[in-house]
Amino acid sequence: MATLFLPRAIASLVDGIDQVEIDAPRVVELLQELVRRYPAVEDRLGEMAVAVDGDIYHDADYVPLQPNSDVHLVPRIAGGSPEETGA
C-alpha cells in the first residue's frame, strides 16, 4: 500500500492523522479513497500539489503508484516573474 503523508492543513481535518496507507494503482484513486474515508478534505485537495517518491506533480492524477510509494500532499506555491507579481 502507498503511504500518503498529509500536511497540517489537511491533518487538522482528520483528527490529526498525518499519514494513511491506501492501496491504489494511481494518484487519482488514492485521492478518491482519501475523500471517501475523510470527506472534509475534499475542498482542500485543489490547493495541493502531489509528490510521488520525491517528484512533484501539479497534475498527478494518472501518475502510477507502487505498493511502497511515498505520496506527499504539498501546498501549491504561487509565483511568477517580478513583472507578474508586482515586485
C-alpha atoms as a PDB file:
ATOM      1  CA  MET A   1       0.000   0.000   0.000  1.00  0.00           C
ATOM      2  CA  ALA A   2       1.157   3.519  -0.741  1.00  0.00           C
ATOM      3  CA  THR A   3       1.732   5.770   2.245  1.00  0.00           C
ATOM      4  CA  LEU A   4       0.071   9.171   1.922  1.00  0.00           C
ATOM      5  CA  PHE A   5       1.566  11.913   4.105  1.00  0.00           C
ATOM      6  CA  LEU A   6      -0.793  14.771   4.974  1.00  0.00           C
ATOM      7  CA  PRO A   7       0.224  18.380   5.664  1.00  0.00           C
ATOM      8  CA  ARG A   8      -1.065  20.086   8.820  1.00  0.00           C
ATOM      9  CA  ALA A   9      -3.808  21.879   6.888  1.00  0.00           C
ATOM     10  CA  ILE A  10      -5.283  18.503   5.931  1.00  0.00           C
ATOM     11  CA  ALA A  11      -4.352  16.593   9.101  1.00  0.00           C
ATOM     12  CA  SER A  12      -6.354  19.079  11.153  1.00  0.00           C
ATOM     13  CA  LEU A  13      -9.469  17.974   9.224  1.00  0.00           C
ATOM     14  CA  VAL A  14      -8.943  14.290  10.030  1.00  0.00           C
ATOM     15  CA  ASP A  15      -8.348  14.356  13.780  1.00  0.00           C
ATOM     16  CA  GLY A  16      -4.612  14.960  13.466  1.00  0.00           C
ATOM     17  CA  ILE A  17      -3.790  11.912  11.351  1.00  0.00           C
ATOM     18  CA  ASP A  18      -0.627  12.806   9.452  1.00  0.00           C
ATOM     19  CA  GLN A  19      -0.330   9.691   7.293  1.00  0.00           C
ATOM     20  CA  VAL A  20      -2.556   6.966   5.951  1.00  0.00           C
ATOM     21  CA  GLU A  21      -1.939   3.831   3.891  1.00  0.00           C
ATOM     22  CA  ILE A  22      -4.087   3.382   0.802  1.00  0.00           C
ATOM     23  CA  ASP A  23      -3.984   0.670  -1.850  1.00  0.00           C
ATOM     24  CA  ALA A  24      -4.428   2.389  -5.216  1.00  0.00           C
ATOM     25  CA  PRO A  25      -2.935   1.987  -8.707  1.00  0.00           C
ATOM     26  CA  ARG A  26      -2.736   5.749  -9.439  1.00  0.00           C
ATOM     27  CA  VAL A  27      -2.913   9.042  -7.591  1.00  0.00           C
ATOM     28  CA  VAL A  28      -6.499   9.694  -8.720  1.00  0.00           C
ATOM     29  CA  GLU A  29      -7.767   6.539  -6.999  1.00  0.00           C
ATOM     30  CA  LEU A  30      -5.662   7.263  -3.931  1.00  0.00           C
ATOM     31  CA  LEU A  31      -7.237  10.710  -3.541  1.00  0.00           C
ATOM     32  CA  GLN A  32     -10.730   9.334  -4.188  1.00  0.00           C
ATOM     33  CA  GLU A  33     -10.234   6.844  -1.376  1.00  0.00           C
ATOM     34  CA  LEU A  34      -8.901   9.583   0.905  1.00  0.00           C
ATOM     35  CA  VAL A  35     -12.077  11.623   0.275  1.00  0.00           C
ATOM     36  CA  ARG A  36     -14.253   8.541   0.783  1.00  0.00           C
ATOM     37  CA  ARG A  37     -12.661   7.982   4.189  1.00  0.00           C
ATOM     38  CA  TYR A  38     -12.425  11.658   5.147  1.00  0.00           C
ATOM     39  CA  PRO A  39     -14.960  13.770   3.185  1.00  0.00           C
ATOM     40  CA  ALA A  40     -13.865  17.004   4.902  1.00  0.00           C
ATOM     41  CA  VAL A  41     -10.588  17.037   2.941  1.00  0.00           C
ATOM     42  CA  GLU A  42     -12.192  17.251  -0.493  1.00  0.00           C
ATOM     43  CA  ASP A  43     -12.334  21.051  -0.652  1.00  0.00           C
ATOM     44  CA  ARG A  44      -8.641  21.358   0.267  1.00  0.00           C
ATOM     45  CA  LEU A  45      -7.247  18.979  -2.358  1.00  0.00           C
ATOM     46  CA  GLY A  46      -7.402  21.607  -5.113  1.00  0.00           C
ATOM     47  CA  GLU A  47      -4.853  23.635  -3.147  1.00  0.00           C
ATOM     48  CA  MET A  48      -2.335  20.790  -3.171  1.00  0.00           C
ATOM     49  CA  ALA A  49       0.367  19.527  -5.477  1.00  0.00           C
ATOM     50  CA  VAL A  50       1.368  15.901  -5.139  1.00  0.00           C
ATOM     51  CA  ALA A  51       4.847  14.466  -4.681  1.00  0.00           C
ATOM     52  CA  VAL A  52       5.280  10.796  -5.535  1.00  0.00           C
ATOM     53  CA  ASP A  53       8.542   9.205  -4.458  1.00  0.00           C
ATOM     54  CA  GLY A  54      10.245  12.610  -4.427  1.00  0.00           C
ATOM     55  CA  ASP A  55       8.923  14.008  -7.737  1.00  0.00           C
ATOM     56  CA  ILE A  56       6.403  16.872  -7.506  1.00  0.00           C
ATOM     57  CA  TYR A  57       3.438  16.931  -9.890  1.00  0.00           C
ATOM     58  CA  HIS A  58       0.831  19.662 -10.269  1.00  0.00           C
ATOM     59  CA  ASP A  59      -1.443  17.357 -12.280  1.00  0.00           C
ATOM     60  CA  ALA A  60      -0.707  13.958 -10.783  1.00  0.00           C
ATOM     61  CA  ASP A  61      -3.993  12.127 -11.331  1.00  0.00           C
ATOM     62  CA  TYR A  62      -2.616   9.447 -13.638  1.00  0.00           C
ATOM     63  CA  VAL A  63       0.812   9.018 -12.071  1.00  0.00           C
ATOM     64  CA  PRO A  64       1.169   5.306 -11.272  1.00  0.00           C
ATOM     65  CA  LEU A  65       1.858   4.178  -7.722  1.00  0.00           C
ATOM     66  CA  GLN A  66       3.960   1.296  -6.498  1.00  0.00           C
ATOM     67  CA  PRO A  67       2.951  -0.674  -3.395  1.00  0.00           C
ATOM     68  CA  ASN A  68       5.744   1.055  -1.464  1.00  0.00           C
ATOM     69  CA  SER A  69       5.284   4.583  -2.870  1.00  0.00           C
ATOM     70  CA  ASP A  70       5.516   7.592  -0.582  1.00  0.00           C
ATOM     71  CA  VAL A  71       2.980  10.234  -1.584  1.00  0.00           C
ATOM     72  CA  HIS A  72       3.013  13.719  -0.069  1.00  0.00           C
ATOM     73  CA  LEU A  73       0.354  16.392  -0.440  1.00  0.00           C
ATOM     74  CA  VAL A  74       2.199  19.689  -0.782  1.00  0.00           C
ATOM     75  CA  PRO A  75       0.589  23.158  -0.634  1.00  0.00           C
ATOM     76  CA  ARG A  76       0.895  24.794  -4.052  1.00  0.00           C
ATOM     77  CA  ILE A  77       3.175  27.805  -4.227  1.00  0.00           C
ATOM     78  CA  ALA A  78       2.005  30.709  -6.358  1.00  0.00           C
ATOM     79  CA  GLY A  79       4.571  32.800  -8.136  1.00  0.00           C
ATOM     80  CA  GLY A  80       5.751  34.238 -11.378  1.00  0.00           C
ATOM     81  CA  SER A  81       8.095  36.799 -12.803  1.00  0.00           C
ATOM     82  CA  PRO A  82       8.628  40.091 -10.918  1.00  0.00           C
ATOM     83  CA  GLU A  83       6.519  41.855 -13.566  1.00  0.00           C
ATOM     84  CA  GLU A  84       3.592  39.498 -12.857  1.00  0.00           C
ATOM     85  CA  THR A  85       3.828  39.774  -9.096  1.00  0.00           C
ATOM     86  CA  GLY A  86       4.466  43.499  -8.882  1.00  0.00           C
ATOM     87  CA  ALA A  87       7.847  43.031  -7.151  1.00  0.00           C
END
